Amino acid sequence: MAHAAPVGALTGPARTPDVFSPRIHLAARYGVPVVLGLVYGYWAAANRRDGGPITGWNILFGFVTALAFVVLCLAVATFAPLLKRELHSGVKSAFAGAAVGFLYSQSGESVLRSTALGLAVTAGVFLVFFYRYYTHEDGEGNRIR
């Protein structure tokens, strides 16, 4: 006995609904980098003081580091999606590797070890991002939605 096929079966999977309003998306677009930047700045300042007393210079260093992180994060989030998948992956992974390498360097380790760790993180993040973008784009580089 034959049954009718469901309506969406032949047209492919339905797109998931967007449950958040444009206002929430806008707040998240700028709120998430700011919160990440504040956490990053605190972490860098804590690494730099190495358990010592909190000073005014340490607080200033943390806020300047947070500001630089927020600006770079917003720039990467804005301009990286405009690039091809290789450069898109490269820009995001370079940002992640530089951020980790900088944090590690603030703990007093050598520049070579910080660079090696940053490059290792960059390579790992690049592989993950490249795989994701490569499997979510068609042959011409257009994103599949």
C-alpha atoms as a PDB file:
ATOM      1  CA  MET A   1       0.000   0.000   0.000  1.00  0.00           C
ATOM      2  CA  ALA A   2       1.493   3.366  -1.020  1.00  0.00           C
ATOM      3  CA  HIS A   3       1.493   6.473   1.136  1.00  0.00           C
ATOM      4  CA  ALA A   4       1.927  10.082   0.157  1.00  0.00           C
ATOM      5  CA  ALA A   5       5.376  11.539   0.728  1.00  0.00           C
ATOM      6  CA  PRO A   6       5.679  14.284   3.321  1.00  0.00           C
ATOM      7  CA  VAL A   7       5.644  17.784   1.857  1.00  0.00           C
ATOM      8  CA  GLY A   8       9.242  18.687   2.776  1.00  0.00           C
ATOM      9  CA  ALA A   9      10.742  15.340   1.789  1.00  0.00           C
ATOM     10  CA  LEU A  10      11.441  16.269  -1.813  1.00  0.00           C
ATOM     11  CA  THR A  11      12.542  19.851  -1.254  1.00  0.00           C
ATOM     12  CA  GLY A  12      15.322  19.089   1.242  1.00  0.00           C
ATOM     13  CA  PRO A  13      15.700  19.934   4.879  1.00  0.00           C
ATOM     14  CA  ALA A  14      13.871  22.977   6.143  1.00  0.00           C
ATOM     15  CA  ARG A  15      15.920  25.882   7.428  1.00  0.00           C
ATOM     16  CA  THR A  16      15.883  26.215  11.185  1.00  0.00           C
ATOM     17  CA  PRO A  17      13.818  29.150  12.410  1.00  0.00           C
ATOM     18  CA  ASP A  18      15.522  32.258  13.714  1.00  0.00           C
ATOM     19  CA  VAL A  19      14.094  32.663  17.203  1.00  0.00           C
ATOM     20  CA  PHE A  20      15.994  35.839  18.090  1.00  0.00           C
ATOM     21  CA  SER A  21      15.036  39.313  16.941  1.00  0.00           C
ATOM     22  CA  PRO A  22      17.412  41.524  14.928  1.00  0.00           C
ATOM     23  CA  ARG A  23      17.931  43.591  18.073  1.00  0.00           C
ATOM     24  CA  ILE A  24      19.257  40.548  19.969  1.00  0.00           C
ATOM     25  CA  HIS A  25      21.566  39.684  17.060  1.00  0.00           C
ATOM     26  CA  LEU A  26      22.936  43.235  17.053  1.00  0.00           C
ATOM     27  CA  ALA A  27      23.504  43.158  20.812  1.00  0.00           C
ATOM     28  CA  ALA A  28      25.284  39.805  20.536  1.00  0.00           C
ATOM     29  CA  ARG A  29      27.389  40.998  17.582  1.00  0.00           C
ATOM     30  CA  TYR A  30      28.984  43.680  19.773  1.00  0.00           C
ATOM     31  CA  GLY A  31      28.366  42.264  23.245  1.00  0.00           C
ATOM     32  CA  VAL A  32      30.177  38.956  22.774  1.00  0.00           C
ATOM     33  CA  PRO A  33      33.488  40.541  21.613  1.00  0.00           C
ATOM     34  CA  VAL A  34      33.321  43.060  24.470  1.00  0.00           C
ATOM     35  CA  VAL A  35      32.793  40.341  27.090  1.00  0.00           C
ATOM     36  CA  LEU A  36      35.510  38.173  25.528  1.00  0.00           C
ATOM     37  CA  GLY A  37      37.833  41.184  25.454  1.00  0.00           C
ATOM     38  CA  LEU A  38      37.275  41.932  29.133  1.00  0.00           C
ATOM     39  CA  VAL A  39      37.973  38.319  30.067  1.00  0.00           C
ATOM     40  CA  TYR A  40      41.059  38.309  27.824  1.00  0.00           C
ATOM     41  CA  GLY A  41      42.343  41.589  29.308  1.00  0.00           C
ATOM     42  CA  TYR A  42      41.861  40.319  32.853  1.00  0.00           C
ATOM     43  CA  TRP A  43      43.622  37.068  31.967  1.00  0.00           C
ATOM     44  CA  ALA A  44      46.578  38.891  30.377  1.00  0.00           C
ATOM     45  CA  ALA A  45      46.898  41.244  33.349  1.00  0.00           C
ATOM     46  CA  ALA A  46      46.736  38.318  35.786  1.00  0.00           C
ATOM     47  CA  ASN A  47      49.441  36.477  33.836  1.00  0.00           C
ATOM     48  CA  ARG A  48      51.614  39.568  33.790  1.00  0.00           C
ATOM     49  CA  ARG A  49      51.436  40.289  37.526  1.00  0.00           C
ATOM     50  CA  ASP A  50      52.224  36.621  38.299  1.00  0.00           C
ATOM     51  CA  GLY A  51      50.432  36.556  41.664  1.00  0.00           C
ATOM     52  CA  GLY A  52      51.836  39.900  42.791  1.00  0.00           C
ATOM     53  CA  PRO A  53      49.865  42.926  43.904  1.00  0.00           C
ATOM     54  CA  ILE A  54      47.371  44.595  41.604  1.00  0.00           C
ATOM     55  CA  THR A  55      48.717  47.980  40.559  1.00  0.00           C
ATOM     56  CA  GLY A  56      47.374  50.836  38.483  1.00  0.00           C
ATOM     57  CA  TRP A  57      49.709  49.913  35.631  1.00  0.00           C
ATOM     58  CA  ASN A  58      48.440  46.347  35.742  1.00  0.00           C
ATOM     59  CA  ILE A  59      44.828  47.522  35.503  1.00  0.00           C
ATOM     60  CA  LEU A  60      45.729  49.887  32.648  1.00  0.00           C
ATOM     61  CA  PHE A  61      47.509  47.039  30.849  1.00  0.00           C
ATOM     62  CA  GLY A  62      44.423  44.849  31.226  1.00  0.00           C
ATOM     63  CA  PHE A  63      42.074  47.491  29.800  1.00  0.00           C
ATOM     64  CA  VAL A  64      44.383  48.354  26.895  1.00  0.00           C
ATOM     65  CA  THR A  65      44.744  44.663  26.099  1.00  0.00           C
ATOM     66  CA  ALA A  66      40.962  44.230  26.273  1.00  0.00           C
ATOM     67  CA  LEU A  67      40.436  47.221  23.963  1.00  0.00           C
ATOM     68  CA  ALA A  68      42.931  45.889  21.419  1.00  0.00           C
ATOM     69  CA  PHE A  69      41.321  42.444  21.552  1.00  0.00           C
ATOM     70  CA  VAL A  70      37.807  43.865  21.031  1.00  0.00           C
ATOM     71  CA  VAL A  71      38.882  46.016  18.070  1.00  0.00           C
ATOM     72  CA  LEU A  72      40.735  43.143  16.398  1.00  0.00           C
ATOM     73  CA  CYS A  73      37.920  40.686  17.118  1.00  0.00           C
ATOM     74  CA  LEU A  74      35.338  42.995  15.548  1.00  0.00           C
ATOM     75  CA  ALA A  75      37.597  43.593  12.543  1.00  0.00           C
ATOM     76  CA  VAL A  76      38.106  39.858  12.016  1.00  0.00           C
ATOM     77  CA  ALA A  77      34.394  39.159  12.443  1.00  0.00           C
ATOM     78  CA  THR A  78      33.520  41.903   9.956  1.00  0.00           C
ATOM     79  CA  PHE A  79      36.078  41.413   7.207  1.00  0.00           C
ATOM     80  CA  ALA A  80      37.070  37.717   7.320  1.00  0.00           C
ATOM     81  CA  PRO A  81      33.727  36.431   5.923  1.00  0.00           C
ATOM     82  CA  LEU A  82      34.307  38.545   2.813  1.00  0.00           C
ATOM     83  CA  LEU A  83      37.419  36.519   1.922  1.00  0.00           C
ATOM     84  CA  LYS A  84      37.756  33.164   0.203  1.00  0.00           C
ATOM     85  CA  ARG A  85      37.690  30.094   2.436  1.00  0.00           C
ATOM     86  CA  GLU A  86      41.485  29.741   2.670  1.00  0.00           C
ATOM     87  CA  LEU A  87      42.054  33.353   3.679  1.00  0.00           C
ATOM     88  CA  HIS A  88      38.924  33.337   5.850  1.00  0.00           C
ATOM     89  CA  SER A  89      40.325  30.376   7.777  1.00  0.00           C
ATOM     90  CA  GLY A  90      43.791  31.895   7.845  1.00  0.00           C
ATOM     91  CA  VAL A  91      42.696  35.234   9.271  1.00  0.00           C
ATOM     92  CA  LYS A  92      40.603  33.688  12.025  1.00  0.00           C
ATOM     93  CA  SER A  93      43.259  31.126  12.925  1.00  0.00           C
ATOM     94  CA  ALA A  94      46.025  33.762  12.933  1.00  0.00           C
ATOM     95  CA  PHE A  95      43.946  35.860  15.341  1.00  0.00           C
ATOM     96  CA  ALA A  96      43.414  32.877  17.643  1.00  0.00           C
ATOM     97  CA  GLY A  97      47.081  31.830  17.513  1.00  0.00           C
ATOM     98  CA  ALA A  98      48.347  35.358  18.161  1.00  0.00           C
ATOM     99  CA  ALA A  99      45.937  35.755  21.075  1.00  0.00           C
ATOM    100  CA  VAL A 100      47.075  32.511  22.713  1.00  0.00           C
ATOM    101  CA  GLY A 101      50.750  33.240  22.033  1.00  0.00           C
ATOM    102  CA  PHE A 102      50.420  36.703  23.581  1.00  0.00           C
ATOM    103  CA  LEU A 103      48.727  35.319  26.690  1.00  0.00           C
ATOM    104  CA  TYR A 104      51.457  32.710  27.055  1.00  0.00           C
ATOM    105  CA  SER A 105      54.189  35.320  26.638  1.00  0.00           C
ATOM    106  CA  GLN A 106      52.734  37.352  29.518  1.00  0.00           C
ATOM    107  CA  SER A 107      53.412  34.478  31.892  1.00  0.00           C
ATOM    108  CA  GLY A 108      57.167  35.024  31.540  1.00  0.00           C
ATOM    109  CA  GLU A 109      57.947  32.273  29.046  1.00  0.00           C
ATOM    110  CA  SER A 110      60.437  32.770  26.248  1.00  0.00           C
ATOM    111  CA  VAL A 111      59.483  34.302  22.932  1.00  0.00           C
ATOM    112  CA  LEU A 112      60.331  31.068  21.114  1.00  0.00           C
ATOM    113  CA  ARG A 113      57.996  28.970  23.259  1.00  0.00           C
ATOM    114  CA  SER A 114      55.233  31.562  22.919  1.00  0.00           C
ATOM    115  CA  THR A 115      55.698  31.631  19.156  1.00  0.00           C
ATOM    116  CA  ALA A 116      55.714  27.830  18.932  1.00  0.00           C
ATOM    117  CA  LEU A 117      52.510  27.592  20.947  1.00  0.00           C
ATOM    118  CA  GLY A 118      50.883  30.340  18.867  1.00  0.00           C
ATOM    119  CA  LEU A 119      51.830  28.576  15.628  1.00  0.00           C
ATOM    120  CA  ALA A 120      50.537  25.239  16.922  1.00  0.00           C
ATOM    121  CA  VAL A 121      47.208  26.812  17.876  1.00  0.00           C
ATOM    122  CA  THR A 122      47.071  28.592  14.511  1.00  0.00           C
ATOM    123  CA  ALA A 123      47.605  25.325  12.642  1.00  0.00           C
ATOM    124  CA  GLY A 124      44.951  23.473  14.633  1.00  0.00           C
ATOM    125  CA  VAL A 125      42.363  26.231  14.337  1.00  0.00           C
ATOM    126  CA  PHE A 126      43.123  26.587  10.612  1.00  0.00           C
ATOM    127  CA  LEU A 127      42.420  22.900  10.021  1.00  0.00           C
ATOM    128  CA  VAL A 128      39.114  23.080  11.869  1.00  0.00           C
ATOM    129  CA  PHE A 129      37.928  26.279  10.177  1.00  0.00           C
ATOM    130  CA  PHE A 130      39.088  25.212   6.719  1.00  0.00           C
ATOM    131  CA  TYR A 131      37.266  21.905   7.031  1.00  0.00           C
ATOM    132  CA  ARG A 132      34.107  23.669   8.165  1.00  0.00           C
ATOM    133  CA  TYR A 133      34.158  26.268   5.393  1.00  0.00           C
ATOM    134  CA  TYR A 134      35.178  23.718   2.756  1.00  0.00           C
ATOM    135  CA  THR A 135      32.229  21.476   3.625  1.00  0.00           C
ATOM    136  CA  HIS A 136      29.748  24.373   3.800  1.00  0.00           C
ATOM    137  CA  GLU A 137      30.530  26.030   0.450  1.00  0.00           C
ATOM    138  CA  ASP A 138      29.900  25.047  -3.144  1.00  0.00           C
ATOM    139  CA  GLY A 139      32.593  24.874  -5.851  1.00  0.00           C
ATOM    140  CA  GLU A 140      32.563  28.632  -6.496  1.00  0.00           C
ATOM    141  CA  GLY A 141      32.922  29.526  -2.827  1.00  0.00           C
ATOM    142  CA  ASN A 142      29.303  30.507  -2.217  1.00  0.00           C
ATOM    143  CA  ARG A 143      28.075  29.561   1.221  1.00  0.00           C
ATOM    144  CA  ILE A 144      25.390  26.906   1.332  1.00  0.00           C
ATOM    145  CA  ARG A 145      22.602  28.066   3.598  1.00  0.00           C
END
